[in-house]
């Protein structure tokens, strides 16, 4: 297919228009470029609260091919096209039955194939984190939109981020959960409190002992 045919392809045109419209939403001052402040504010306005400042800076560094400190429309579109292509590859690894959607059972199987063991509950929570339409599975569009501004498309980085971010979201909602693959943060929190109390009581007892000793010696 020639470049002229690609330009005329409805799918290619639709994708280019989607990314251009996204660029326009993030270009808050309408100067044709996006810097880190605009990117952070624009993503916040669009509901990307799970993307940290550090991830935004890393995304900008990786997509800024001219090293100008901001993004042109061309840089933005070209980077996201490559990034989304890799995201689609990762999605296809999770979509074990190849129906274009990923459910919790497929996530368990795919993770097991990658040497990661997770339970049914965690698999369901991973789905619910991305499942915007409450269909109990994940479409590629939901997957793409969730990870579009994540600075890495490496499957190991994505899985680590996805599991940790899902856990933190549950914590924000007040759910009783444990950290995947590690000791629960609640246990660390309680242990820290007990340790603090132990040190405090120990210091107080020593202070009281020395105070009473000095008083006794002065009698």
N, C-alpha and C. Protein backbone atom coordinates (compact mmCIF):
# COMPACT_ATOMS: atom_id res chain seq x y z
N UNK A 1 0.85 -1.20 0.00
CA UNK A 1 0.00 0.00 0.00
C UNK A 1 0.89 1.25 0.00
N UNK A 2 0.64 2.17 -0.94
CA UNK A 2 1.45 3.38 -1.05
C UNK A 2 1.06 4.38 0.03
N UNK A 3 1.92 5.42 0.20
CA UNK A 3 1.63 6.45 1.19
C UNK A 3 0.34 7.19 0.84
N UNK A 4 0.05 7.31 -0.46
CA UNK A 4 -1.18 7.98 -0.88
C UNK A 4 -2.40 7.14 -0.46
N UNK A 5 -2.27 5.82 -0.60
CA UNK A 5 -3.36 4.94 -0.20
C UNK A 5 -3.58 4.99 1.31
N UNK A 6 -2.47 5.06 2.07
CA UNK A 6 -2.57 5.15 3.52
C UNK A 6 -3.30 6.41 3.94
N UNK A 7 -2.97 7.51 3.29
CA UNK A 7 -3.61 8.78 3.62
C UNK A 7 -5.10 8.75 3.33
N UNK A 8 -5.49 7.94 2.32
CA UNK A 8 -6.90 7.87 1.94
C UNK A 8 -7.66 6.81 2.73
N UNK A 9 -6.94 5.97 3.47
CA UNK A 9 -7.59 4.91 4.24
C UNK A 9 -8.42 5.51 5.37
N UNK A 10 -9.71 5.17 5.45
CA UNK A 10 -10.58 5.76 6.48
C UNK A 10 -10.10 5.50 7.90
N UNK A 11 -9.55 4.31 8.14
CA UNK A 11 -9.06 3.99 9.47
C UNK A 11 -7.88 4.85 9.87
N UNK A 12 -6.96 5.05 8.93
CA UNK A 12 -5.78 5.88 9.19
C UNK A 12 -6.20 7.33 9.42
N UNK A 13 -7.13 7.80 8.60
CA UNK A 13 -7.62 9.18 8.75
C UNK A 13 -8.30 9.37 10.10
N UNK A 14 -9.11 8.39 10.51
CA UNK A 14 -9.82 8.49 11.78
C UNK A 14 -8.84 8.52 12.95
N UNK A 15 -7.79 7.68 12.89
CA UNK A 15 -6.80 7.64 13.96
C UNK A 15 -6.01 8.95 14.02
N UNK A 16 -5.65 9.48 12.87
CA UNK A 16 -4.93 10.76 12.83
C UNK A 16 -5.79 11.88 13.40
N UNK A 17 -7.06 11.89 13.04
CA UNK A 17 -7.97 12.92 13.56
C UNK A 17 -8.16 12.78 15.07
N UNK A 18 -8.23 11.53 15.55
CA UNK A 18 -8.37 11.30 17.00
C UNK A 18 -7.19 11.88 17.76
N UNK A 19 -5.99 11.61 17.27
CA UNK A 19 -4.79 12.10 17.94
C UNK A 19 -4.64 13.61 17.81
N UNK A 20 -5.06 14.16 16.67
CA UNK A 20 -5.01 15.62 16.50
C UNK A 20 -5.99 16.30 17.45
N UNK A 21 -7.18 15.74 17.59
CA UNK A 21 -8.16 16.30 18.53
C UNK A 21 -7.64 16.22 19.96
N UNK A 22 -6.95 15.13 20.28
CA UNK A 22 -6.37 14.98 21.61
C UNK A 22 -5.29 16.03 21.83
N UNK A 23 -4.47 16.25 20.83
CA UNK A 23 -3.43 17.29 20.91
C UNK A 23 -4.05 18.66 21.15
N UNK A 24 -5.12 18.95 20.44
CA UNK A 24 -5.79 20.25 20.59
C UNK A 24 -6.33 20.44 22.01
N UNK A 25 -6.81 19.36 22.62
CA UNK A 25 -7.32 19.45 24.00
C UNK A 25 -6.21 19.75 24.99
N UNK A 26 -5.01 19.22 24.71
CA UNK A 26 -3.88 19.40 25.62
C UNK A 26 -3.12 20.70 25.37
N UNK A 27 -3.26 21.25 24.17
CA UNK A 27 -2.60 22.52 23.82
C UNK A 27 -3.44 23.67 24.37
N UNK A 28 -3.30 23.92 25.66
CA UNK A 28 -4.20 24.84 26.35
C UNK A 28 -4.05 26.28 25.90
N UNK A 29 -2.84 26.70 25.56
CA UNK A 29 -2.66 28.09 25.12
C UNK A 29 -2.74 28.26 23.61
N UNK A 30 -3.00 27.17 22.92
CA UNK A 30 -3.24 27.17 21.47
C UNK A 30 -2.08 27.78 20.66
N UNK A 31 -0.86 27.43 21.08
CA UNK A 31 0.31 27.91 20.33
C UNK A 31 0.89 26.84 19.42
N UNK A 32 0.21 25.70 19.34
CA UNK A 32 0.66 24.63 18.46
C UNK A 32 1.72 23.73 19.07
N UNK A 33 1.99 23.89 20.37
CA UNK A 33 2.97 23.05 21.06
C UNK A 33 2.45 22.73 22.47
N UNK A 34 2.95 21.63 23.04
CA UNK A 34 2.54 21.21 24.38
C UNK A 34 3.78 21.08 25.27
N UNK A 35 3.81 21.83 26.36
CA UNK A 35 4.91 21.68 27.32
C UNK A 35 4.43 20.85 28.52
N UNK A 36 5.31 20.63 29.48
CA UNK A 36 4.99 19.74 30.60
C UNK A 36 3.83 20.27 31.44
N UNK A 37 3.77 21.59 31.63
CA UNK A 37 2.68 22.17 32.44
C UNK A 37 1.34 22.00 31.75
N UNK A 38 1.30 22.23 30.44
CA UNK A 38 0.06 22.03 29.69
C UNK A 38 -0.35 20.56 29.70
N UNK A 39 0.66 19.69 29.55
CA UNK A 39 0.36 18.26 29.53
C UNK A 39 -0.22 17.81 30.86
N UNK A 40 0.37 18.27 31.96
CA UNK A 40 -0.13 17.90 33.29
C UNK A 40 -1.53 18.44 33.52
N UNK A 41 -1.75 19.72 33.21
CA UNK A 41 -3.06 20.34 33.42
C UNK A 41 -4.11 19.72 32.51
N UNK A 42 -3.73 19.48 31.25
CA UNK A 42 -4.68 18.92 30.29
C UNK A 42 -5.09 17.51 30.66
N UNK A 43 -4.13 16.70 31.08
CA UNK A 43 -4.44 15.32 31.48
C UNK A 43 -5.32 15.31 32.73
N UNK A 44 -5.06 16.23 33.65
CA UNK A 44 -5.88 16.33 34.85
C UNK A 44 -7.33 16.68 34.47
N UNK A 45 -7.47 17.62 33.53
CA UNK A 45 -8.80 18.02 33.08
C UNK A 45 -9.54 16.86 32.41
N UNK A 46 -8.78 15.96 31.79
CA UNK A 46 -9.38 14.82 31.09
C UNK A 46 -9.59 13.61 31.99
N UNK A 47 -9.20 13.73 33.27
CA UNK A 47 -9.45 12.65 34.22
C UNK A 47 -8.31 11.66 34.37
N UNK A 48 -7.12 11.98 33.85
CA UNK A 48 -5.97 11.09 33.99
C UNK A 48 -5.28 11.35 35.33
N UNK A 49 -5.99 11.08 36.40
CA UNK A 49 -5.44 11.35 37.74
C UNK A 49 -4.39 10.32 38.13
N UNK A 50 -4.36 9.16 37.45
CA UNK A 50 -3.42 8.11 37.82
C UNK A 50 -2.04 8.32 37.22
N UNK A 51 -1.87 9.33 36.38
CA UNK A 51 -0.56 9.61 35.79
C UNK A 51 0.17 10.62 36.67
N UNK A 52 1.34 10.22 37.18
CA UNK A 52 2.10 11.08 38.09
C UNK A 52 2.90 12.12 37.33
N UNK A 53 3.40 13.11 38.07
CA UNK A 53 4.23 14.16 37.48
C UNK A 53 5.49 13.57 36.85
N UNK A 54 6.09 12.58 37.54
CA UNK A 54 7.29 11.94 37.03
C UNK A 54 7.01 11.20 35.72
N UNK A 55 5.85 10.56 35.62
CA UNK A 55 5.50 9.85 34.39
C UNK A 55 5.24 10.83 33.25
N UNK A 56 4.67 11.97 33.57
CA UNK A 56 4.44 13.00 32.55
C UNK A 56 5.76 13.51 32.01
N UNK A 57 6.72 13.77 32.91
CA UNK A 57 8.04 14.24 32.49
C UNK A 57 8.73 13.19 31.62
N UNK A 58 8.61 11.92 32.00
CA UNK A 58 9.24 10.84 31.23
C UNK A 58 8.58 10.69 29.86
N UNK A 59 7.24 10.80 29.83
CA UNK A 59 6.52 10.74 28.56
C UNK A 59 7.01 11.84 27.62
N UNK A 60 7.16 13.06 28.16
CA UNK A 60 7.60 14.20 27.36
C UNK A 60 9.01 13.97 26.82
N UNK A 61 9.89 13.45 27.68
CA UNK A 61 11.27 13.20 27.25
C UNK A 61 11.33 12.19 26.12
N UNK A 62 10.53 11.15 26.20
CA UNK A 62 10.59 10.08 25.21
C UNK A 62 9.93 10.48 23.89
N UNK A 63 8.97 11.38 23.95
CA UNK A 63 8.25 11.78 22.73
C UNK A 63 8.85 13.03 22.08
N UNK A 64 9.66 13.78 22.82
CA UNK A 64 10.25 15.02 22.32
C UNK A 64 11.50 14.71 21.50
N UNK A 65 11.32 14.33 20.26
CA UNK A 65 12.44 13.90 19.41
C UNK A 65 13.39 15.05 19.07
N UNK A 66 12.92 16.28 19.13
CA UNK A 66 13.77 17.43 18.80
C UNK A 66 14.48 18.00 20.02
N UNK A 67 14.20 17.45 21.20
CA UNK A 67 14.78 17.93 22.47
C UNK A 67 14.55 19.43 22.70
N UNK A 68 13.35 19.87 22.34
CA UNK A 68 13.01 21.28 22.48
C UNK A 68 12.36 21.59 23.83
N UNK A 69 12.00 20.55 24.57
CA UNK A 69 11.34 20.75 25.86
C UNK A 69 9.83 20.79 25.76
N UNK A 70 9.31 20.69 24.53
CA UNK A 70 7.86 20.61 24.33
C UNK A 70 7.58 19.77 23.09
N UNK A 71 6.29 19.58 22.78
CA UNK A 71 5.91 18.70 21.68
C UNK A 71 5.18 19.45 20.58
N UNK A 72 5.57 19.17 19.36
CA UNK A 72 4.79 19.63 18.21
C UNK A 72 3.72 18.60 17.93
N UNK A 73 2.77 18.94 17.07
CA UNK A 73 1.73 17.99 16.68
C UNK A 73 2.34 16.74 16.05
N UNK A 74 3.33 16.93 15.18
CA UNK A 74 3.95 15.80 14.50
C UNK A 74 4.63 14.86 15.50
N UNK A 75 5.38 15.42 16.45
CA UNK A 75 6.04 14.59 17.47
C UNK A 75 5.02 13.82 18.29
N UNK A 76 3.97 14.51 18.68
CA UNK A 76 2.92 13.92 19.50
C UNK A 76 2.26 12.75 18.78
N UNK A 77 1.86 12.95 17.53
CA UNK A 77 1.16 11.92 16.76
C UNK A 77 2.09 10.74 16.47
N UNK A 78 3.31 11.02 16.01
CA UNK A 78 4.22 9.95 15.65
C UNK A 78 4.57 9.08 16.85
N UNK A 79 4.80 9.71 18.01
CA UNK A 79 5.15 8.93 19.20
C UNK A 79 3.97 8.06 19.64
N UNK A 80 2.77 8.64 19.69
CA UNK A 80 1.62 7.89 20.16
C UNK A 80 1.24 6.76 19.21
N UNK A 81 1.45 6.96 17.93
CA UNK A 81 1.17 5.88 16.98
C UNK A 81 2.06 4.67 17.25
N UNK A 82 3.35 4.92 17.52
CA UNK A 82 4.28 3.84 17.85
C UNK A 82 3.93 3.22 19.21
N UNK A 83 3.64 4.08 20.17
CA UNK A 83 3.32 3.62 21.53
C UNK A 83 2.06 2.76 21.52
N UNK A 84 1.03 3.18 20.81
CA UNK A 84 -0.23 2.44 20.77
C UNK A 84 -0.07 1.12 20.02
N UNK A 85 0.81 1.10 19.04
CA UNK A 85 1.08 -0.15 18.32
C UNK A 85 1.66 -1.18 19.28
N UNK A 86 2.59 -0.74 20.16
CA UNK A 86 3.17 -1.64 21.13
C UNK A 86 2.14 -2.05 22.20
N UNK A 87 1.28 -1.10 22.58
CA UNK A 87 0.22 -1.42 23.54
C UNK A 87 -0.72 -2.48 22.98
N UNK A 88 -0.98 -2.41 21.68
CA UNK A 88 -1.83 -3.41 21.04
C UNK A 88 -1.17 -4.78 21.08
N UNK A 89 0.15 -4.81 20.91
CA UNK A 89 0.88 -6.08 20.97
C UNK A 89 0.77 -6.69 22.37
N UNK A 90 0.93 -5.87 23.41
CA UNK A 90 0.81 -6.35 24.78
C UNK A 90 -0.62 -6.84 25.05
N UNK A 91 -1.61 -6.08 24.57
CA UNK A 91 -3.01 -6.45 24.74
C UNK A 91 -3.28 -7.82 24.11
N UNK A 92 -2.69 -8.05 22.96
CA UNK A 92 -2.91 -9.33 22.26
C UNK A 92 -2.34 -10.50 23.06
N UNK A 93 -1.30 -10.23 23.87
CA UNK A 93 -0.74 -11.28 24.72
C UNK A 93 -1.70 -11.65 25.85
N UNK A 94 -2.47 -10.66 26.30
CA UNK A 94 -3.45 -10.90 27.36
C UNK A 94 -4.74 -11.51 26.82
N UNK A 95 -5.06 -11.17 25.58
CA UNK A 95 -6.30 -11.65 24.95
C UNK A 95 -6.07 -13.07 24.43
N UNK A 96 -6.10 -14.03 25.35
CA UNK A 96 -5.72 -15.40 25.00
C UNK A 96 -6.71 -16.10 24.06
N UNK A 97 -7.99 -15.70 24.10
CA UNK A 97 -8.95 -16.35 23.19
C UNK A 97 -9.18 -15.54 21.91
N UNK A 98 -8.47 -14.43 21.78
CA UNK A 98 -8.44 -13.62 20.56
C UNK A 98 -9.82 -13.12 20.12
N UNK A 99 -10.64 -12.70 21.10
CA UNK A 99 -11.95 -12.15 20.76
C UNK A 99 -11.97 -10.63 20.82
N UNK A 100 -10.81 -10.02 21.05
CA UNK A 100 -10.73 -8.56 21.09
C UNK A 100 -11.05 -7.96 22.44
N UNK A 101 -11.27 -8.81 23.45
CA UNK A 101 -11.55 -8.32 24.81
C UNK A 101 -10.79 -9.20 25.81
N UNK A 102 -10.51 -8.63 26.98
CA UNK A 102 -9.76 -9.35 28.00
C UNK A 102 -10.57 -9.40 29.28
N UNK A 103 -10.80 -10.61 29.81
CA UNK A 103 -11.52 -10.75 31.07
C UNK A 103 -10.58 -11.26 32.16
N UNK A 104 -11.10 -11.42 33.37
CA UNK A 104 -10.25 -11.80 34.50
C UNK A 104 -9.63 -13.19 34.33
N UNK A 105 -10.38 -14.12 33.73
CA UNK A 105 -9.84 -15.47 33.53
C UNK A 105 -8.65 -15.43 32.57
N UNK A 106 -8.75 -14.63 31.53
CA UNK A 106 -7.64 -14.51 30.58
C UNK A 106 -6.42 -13.85 31.23
N UNK A 107 -6.67 -12.88 32.10
CA UNK A 107 -5.56 -12.23 32.80
C UNK A 107 -4.81 -13.23 33.66
N UNK A 108 -5.55 -14.09 34.37
CA UNK A 108 -4.91 -15.13 35.19
C UNK A 108 -4.03 -16.03 34.33
N UNK A 109 -4.56 -16.47 33.19
CA UNK A 109 -3.82 -17.36 32.30
C UNK A 109 -2.59 -16.66 31.73
N UNK A 110 -2.79 -15.42 31.24
CA UNK A 110 -1.68 -14.68 30.64
C UNK A 110 -0.59 -14.39 31.66
N UNK A 111 -0.98 -14.01 32.87
CA UNK A 111 0.00 -13.75 33.92
C UNK A 111 0.76 -15.04 34.26
N UNK A 112 0.05 -16.16 34.32
CA UNK A 112 0.70 -17.44 34.62
C UNK A 112 1.73 -17.78 33.55
N UNK A 113 1.40 -17.49 32.29
CA UNK A 113 2.34 -17.73 31.19
C UNK A 113 3.59 -16.86 31.32
N UNK A 114 3.44 -15.73 32.01
CA UNK A 114 4.57 -14.82 32.22
C UNK A 114 5.28 -15.11 33.54
N UNK A 115 4.83 -16.16 34.24
CA UNK A 115 5.47 -16.52 35.49
C UNK A 115 4.97 -15.74 36.69
N UNK A 116 3.77 -15.14 36.58
CA UNK A 116 3.19 -14.34 37.66
C UNK A 116 1.91 -15.03 38.14
N UNK A 117 1.86 -15.36 39.40
CA UNK A 117 0.68 -16.04 39.96
C UNK A 117 -0.20 -15.03 40.69
N UNK A 118 -1.47 -14.92 40.27
CA UNK A 118 -2.42 -14.04 40.93
C UNK A 118 -3.72 -14.80 41.18
N UNK A 119 -4.49 -14.35 42.17
CA UNK A 119 -5.76 -14.97 42.47
C UNK A 119 -6.90 -14.40 41.66
N UNK A 120 -8.06 -15.00 41.79
CA UNK A 120 -9.25 -14.56 41.05
C UNK A 120 -9.62 -13.14 41.46
N UNK A 121 -9.55 -12.85 42.76
CA UNK A 121 -9.94 -11.53 43.25
C UNK A 121 -9.08 -10.43 42.66
N UNK A 122 -7.76 -10.65 42.64
CA UNK A 122 -6.89 -9.62 42.07
C UNK A 122 -7.13 -9.45 40.58
N UNK A 123 -7.35 -10.56 39.87
CA UNK A 123 -7.62 -10.49 38.42
C UNK A 123 -8.88 -9.66 38.16
N UNK A 124 -9.91 -9.86 38.98
CA UNK A 124 -11.15 -9.10 38.82
C UNK A 124 -10.94 -7.62 39.12
N UNK A 125 -10.11 -7.32 40.11
CA UNK A 125 -9.83 -5.92 40.45
C UNK A 125 -9.01 -5.24 39.35
N UNK A 126 -8.11 -5.99 38.72
CA UNK A 126 -7.34 -5.44 37.60
C UNK A 126 -8.27 -5.07 36.45
N UNK A 127 -9.25 -5.93 36.19
CA UNK A 127 -10.23 -5.64 35.14
C UNK A 127 -11.04 -4.40 35.49
N UNK A 128 -11.54 -4.34 36.72
CA UNK A 128 -12.41 -3.23 37.12
C UNK A 128 -11.70 -1.89 37.07
N UNK A 129 -10.36 -1.90 37.21
CA UNK A 129 -9.62 -0.63 37.17
C UNK A 129 -9.68 0.02 35.80
N UNK A 130 -9.78 -0.79 34.75
CA UNK A 130 -9.76 -0.26 33.38
C UNK A 130 -11.13 -0.32 32.71
N UNK A 131 -12.00 -1.17 33.21
CA UNK A 131 -13.32 -1.41 32.61
C UNK A 131 -14.26 -0.23 32.85
N UNK A 132 -14.27 0.72 31.92
CA UNK A 132 -15.07 1.94 32.09
C UNK A 132 -16.57 1.71 31.89
N UNK A 133 -16.94 0.74 31.05
CA UNK A 133 -18.36 0.55 30.74
C UNK A 133 -19.00 -0.57 31.56
N UNK A 134 -18.28 -1.07 32.58
CA UNK A 134 -18.81 -2.10 33.49
C UNK A 134 -19.27 -3.36 32.75
N UNK A 135 -18.51 -3.72 31.72
CA UNK A 135 -18.84 -4.92 30.94
C UNK A 135 -18.17 -6.17 31.50
N UNK A 136 -17.36 -6.00 32.55
CA UNK A 136 -16.62 -7.08 33.20
C UNK A 136 -15.49 -7.62 32.34
N UNK A 137 -15.12 -6.88 31.31
CA UNK A 137 -13.92 -7.19 30.54
C UNK A 137 -13.35 -5.87 29.99
N UNK A 138 -12.23 -5.96 29.29
CA UNK A 138 -11.51 -4.77 28.83
C UNK A 138 -11.42 -4.80 27.31
N UNK A 139 -11.85 -3.73 26.68
CA UNK A 139 -11.66 -3.60 25.23
C UNK A 139 -10.28 -2.98 24.98
N UNK A 140 -9.81 -3.07 23.74
CA UNK A 140 -8.51 -2.46 23.45
C UNK A 140 -8.58 -0.95 23.64
N UNK A 141 -9.72 -0.34 23.30
CA UNK A 141 -9.84 1.11 23.45
C UNK A 141 -9.70 1.53 24.91
N UNK A 142 -10.30 0.76 25.82
CA UNK A 142 -10.17 1.05 27.25
C UNK A 142 -8.72 0.86 27.70
N UNK A 143 -8.09 -0.20 27.24
CA UNK A 143 -6.69 -0.49 27.55
C UNK A 143 -5.78 0.62 27.03
N UNK A 144 -6.01 1.01 25.78
CA UNK A 144 -5.20 2.07 25.14
C UNK A 144 -5.35 3.39 25.88
N UNK A 145 -6.57 3.77 26.20
CA UNK A 145 -6.80 5.06 26.85
C UNK A 145 -6.20 5.09 28.25
N UNK A 146 -6.23 3.97 28.95
CA UNK A 146 -5.67 3.90 30.30
C UNK A 146 -4.15 4.06 30.28
N UNK A 147 -3.49 3.49 29.28
CA UNK A 147 -2.03 3.45 29.23
C UNK A 147 -1.44 4.41 28.19
N UNK A 148 -2.26 5.23 27.58
CA UNK A 148 -1.79 6.08 26.49
C UNK A 148 -0.62 6.98 26.90
N UNK A 149 -0.68 7.51 28.12
CA UNK A 149 0.37 8.43 28.56
C UNK A 149 1.32 7.79 29.58
N UNK A 150 1.20 6.47 29.72
CA UNK A 150 2.21 5.77 30.51
C UNK A 150 3.50 5.75 29.70
N UNK A 151 4.63 6.12 30.31
CA UNK A 151 5.85 6.31 29.51
C UNK A 151 6.47 5.05 28.94
N UNK A 152 6.03 3.88 29.39
CA UNK A 152 6.61 2.64 28.90
C UNK A 152 5.53 1.74 28.31
N UNK A 153 5.91 1.03 27.24
CA UNK A 153 5.00 0.03 26.66
C UNK A 153 5.58 -1.37 26.85
N UNK A 154 6.58 -1.49 27.72
CA UNK A 154 7.14 -2.78 28.06
C UNK A 154 6.15 -3.55 28.93
N UNK A 155 5.93 -4.82 28.61
CA UNK A 155 4.89 -5.58 29.30
C UNK A 155 5.16 -5.73 30.80
N UNK A 156 6.43 -5.88 31.19
CA UNK A 156 6.75 -6.01 32.61
C UNK A 156 6.46 -4.71 33.36
N UNK A 157 6.83 -3.57 32.75
CA UNK A 157 6.57 -2.27 33.36
C UNK A 157 5.07 -2.02 33.49
N UNK A 158 4.33 -2.38 32.46
CA UNK A 158 2.88 -2.16 32.45
C UNK A 158 2.21 -2.99 33.55
N UNK A 159 2.59 -4.25 33.64
CA UNK A 159 1.97 -5.13 34.65
C UNK A 159 2.28 -4.64 36.06
N UNK A 160 3.54 -4.26 36.30
CA UNK A 160 3.91 -3.76 37.63
C UNK A 160 3.12 -2.51 37.97
N UNK A 161 3.01 -1.58 37.03
CA UNK A 161 2.27 -0.33 37.25
C UNK A 161 0.78 -0.61 37.44
N UNK A 162 0.23 -1.47 36.60
CA UNK A 162 -1.20 -1.80 36.64
C UNK A 162 -1.58 -2.40 37.99
N UNK A 163 -0.79 -3.34 38.47
CA UNK A 163 -1.08 -3.98 39.75
C UNK A 163 -0.98 -2.98 40.91
N UNK A 164 0.09 -2.19 40.91
CA UNK A 164 0.29 -1.24 42.00
C UNK A 164 -0.76 -0.14 41.99
N UNK A 165 -1.08 0.37 40.80
CA UNK A 165 -2.06 1.46 40.70
C UNK A 165 -3.46 0.98 41.06
N UNK A 166 -3.78 -0.27 40.70
CA UNK A 166 -5.07 -0.84 41.07
C UNK A 166 -5.17 -0.98 42.58
N UNK A 167 -4.08 -1.39 43.20
CA UNK A 167 -4.05 -1.53 44.66
C UNK A 167 -4.27 -0.17 45.34
N UNK A 168 -3.56 0.87 44.85
CA UNK A 168 -3.68 2.19 45.46
C UNK A 168 -5.08 2.76 45.28
N UNK A 169 -5.70 2.47 44.13
CA UNK A 169 -7.07 2.93 43.89
C UNK A 169 -8.04 2.30 44.88
N UNK A 170 -7.85 1.01 45.16
CA UNK A 170 -8.70 0.33 46.14
C UNK A 170 -8.50 0.91 47.53
N UNK A 171 -7.24 1.26 47.86
CA UNK A 171 -6.96 1.88 49.15
C UNK A 171 -7.67 3.22 49.27
N UNK A 172 -7.67 4.00 48.17
CA UNK A 172 -8.35 5.30 48.17
C UNK A 172 -9.85 5.14 48.41
N UNK A 173 -10.40 4.01 47.95
CA UNK A 173 -11.83 3.76 48.10
C UNK A 173 -12.16 3.09 49.43
N UNK A 174 -11.14 2.88 50.27
CA UNK A 174 -11.36 2.32 51.60
C UNK A 174 -11.52 0.82 51.62
N UNK A 175 -11.10 0.12 50.56
CA UNK A 175 -11.23 -1.34 50.52
C UNK A 175 -10.11 -1.98 51.32
N UNK A 176 -10.39 -3.14 51.89
CA UNK A 176 -9.41 -3.89 52.67
C UNK A 176 -8.67 -4.81 51.73
N UNK A 177 -7.46 -4.41 51.32
CA UNK A 177 -6.69 -5.19 50.36
C UNK A 177 -5.25 -5.27 50.83
N UNK A 178 -4.52 -6.21 50.24
CA UNK A 178 -3.10 -6.33 50.51
C UNK A 178 -2.31 -5.99 49.27
N UNK A 179 -1.08 -5.61 49.47
CA UNK A 179 -0.23 -5.28 48.33
C UNK A 179 0.11 -6.54 47.56
N UNK A 180 -0.09 -6.55 46.20
CA UNK A 180 0.21 -7.74 45.41
C UNK A 180 1.65 -8.17 45.56
N UNK A 181 1.86 -9.43 46.00
CA UNK A 181 3.20 -9.98 46.05
C UNK A 181 4.04 -9.49 47.22
N UNK A 182 3.50 -8.65 48.11
CA UNK A 182 4.27 -8.12 49.23
C UNK A 182 3.41 -8.14 50.47
N UNK A 183 4.03 -7.82 51.62
CA UNK A 183 3.29 -7.72 52.86
C UNK A 183 2.36 -6.52 52.79
N UNK A 184 1.16 -6.64 53.34
CA UNK A 184 0.19 -5.56 53.32
C UNK A 184 0.75 -4.29 53.92
N UNK A 185 0.48 -3.17 53.28
CA UNK A 185 0.93 -1.88 53.80
C UNK A 185 0.32 -1.60 55.16
N UNK A 186 -0.87 -2.17 55.39
CA UNK A 186 -1.49 -1.95 56.72
C UNK A 186 -0.64 -2.58 57.81
N UNK A 187 -0.05 -3.73 57.52
CA UNK A 187 0.81 -4.35 58.52
C UNK A 187 2.04 -3.51 58.76
N UNK A 188 2.60 -2.96 57.70
CA UNK A 188 3.76 -2.08 57.88
C UNK A 188 3.37 -0.86 58.69
N UNK A 189 2.18 -0.34 58.44
CA UNK A 189 1.71 0.82 59.18
C UNK A 189 1.57 0.50 60.67
N UNK A 190 0.95 -0.64 60.99
CA UNK A 190 0.76 -1.04 62.38
C UNK A 190 2.10 -1.32 63.06
N UNK A 191 3.00 -2.00 62.34
CA UNK A 191 4.32 -2.27 62.90
C UNK A 191 5.08 -0.98 63.19
N UNK A 192 4.91 0.01 62.31
CA UNK A 192 5.57 1.29 62.52
C UNK A 192 5.04 1.98 63.78
N UNK A 193 3.71 1.89 63.98
CA UNK A 193 3.12 2.49 65.18
C UNK A 193 3.63 1.80 66.44
N UNK A 194 3.65 0.45 66.42
CA UNK A 194 4.14 -0.29 67.58
C UNK A 194 5.60 0.03 67.87
N UNK A 195 6.39 0.13 66.80
CA UNK A 195 7.81 0.46 66.98
C UNK A 195 7.96 1.85 67.58
N UNK A 196 7.19 2.79 67.08
CA UNK A 196 7.24 4.16 67.60
C UNK A 196 6.85 4.19 69.08
N UNK A 197 5.79 3.48 69.44
CA UNK A 197 5.34 3.44 70.83
C UNK A 197 6.39 2.80 71.73
N UNK A 198 7.03 1.74 71.21
CA UNK A 198 8.06 1.07 72.00
C UNK A 198 9.22 2.03 72.28
N UNK A 199 9.68 2.71 71.24
CA UNK A 199 10.79 3.66 71.41
C UNK A 199 10.40 4.78 72.36
N UNK A 200 9.16 5.29 72.21
CA UNK A 200 8.70 6.38 73.05
C UNK A 200 8.66 5.95 74.52
N UNK A 201 8.07 4.78 74.79
CA UNK A 201 7.98 4.28 76.18
C UNK A 201 9.38 4.02 76.74
N UNK A 202 10.25 3.46 75.91
CA UNK A 202 11.61 3.18 76.35
C UNK A 202 12.34 4.47 76.74
N UNK A 203 12.20 5.48 75.92
CA UNK A 203 12.86 6.76 76.20
C UNK A 203 12.28 7.41 77.45
N UNK A 204 10.95 7.33 77.58
CA UNK A 204 10.31 7.93 78.75
C UNK A 204 10.74 7.21 80.03
N UNK A 205 10.82 5.89 79.98
CA UNK A 205 11.21 5.13 81.18
C UNK A 205 12.64 5.46 81.60
N UNK A 206 13.51 5.61 80.59
CA UNK A 206 14.89 5.96 80.90
C UNK A 206 14.97 7.36 81.50
N UNK A 207 14.18 8.27 80.95
CA UNK A 207 14.18 9.65 81.47
C UNK A 207 13.68 9.68 82.91
N UNK A 208 12.60 8.93 83.16
CA UNK A 208 12.04 8.88 84.51
C UNK A 208 13.05 8.25 85.48
N UNK A 209 13.75 7.19 85.03
CA UNK A 209 14.74 6.53 85.87
C UNK A 209 15.86 7.48 86.26
N UNK A 210 16.39 8.21 85.25
CA UNK A 210 17.49 9.13 85.55
C UNK A 210 17.02 10.30 86.40
N UNK A 211 15.80 10.73 86.20
CA UNK A 211 15.26 11.83 87.02
C UNK A 211 15.13 11.39 88.47
N UNK A 212 14.56 10.18 88.71
CA UNK A 212 14.39 9.70 90.07
C UNK A 212 15.75 9.42 90.72
N UNK A 213 16.72 8.92 89.91
CA UNK A 213 18.06 8.63 90.43
C UNK A 213 18.73 9.91 90.91
N UNK A 214 18.59 10.95 90.10
CA UNK A 214 19.22 12.22 90.47
C UNK A 214 18.55 12.82 91.68
N UNK A 215 17.26 12.67 91.79
CA UNK A 215 16.54 13.17 92.96
C UNK A 215 16.97 12.41 94.21
N UNK A 216 17.14 11.09 94.07
CA UNK A 216 17.52 10.26 95.22
C UNK A 216 18.91 10.62 95.71
N UNK A 217 19.81 10.88 94.75
CA UNK A 217 21.18 11.23 95.11
C UNK A 217 21.27 12.58 95.81
N UNK A 218 20.34 13.47 95.52
CA UNK A 218 20.36 14.82 96.09
C UNK A 218 19.73 14.86 97.47
N UNK A 219 19.09 13.75 97.85
CA UNK A 219 18.43 13.72 99.18
C UNK A 219 19.50 13.51 100.27
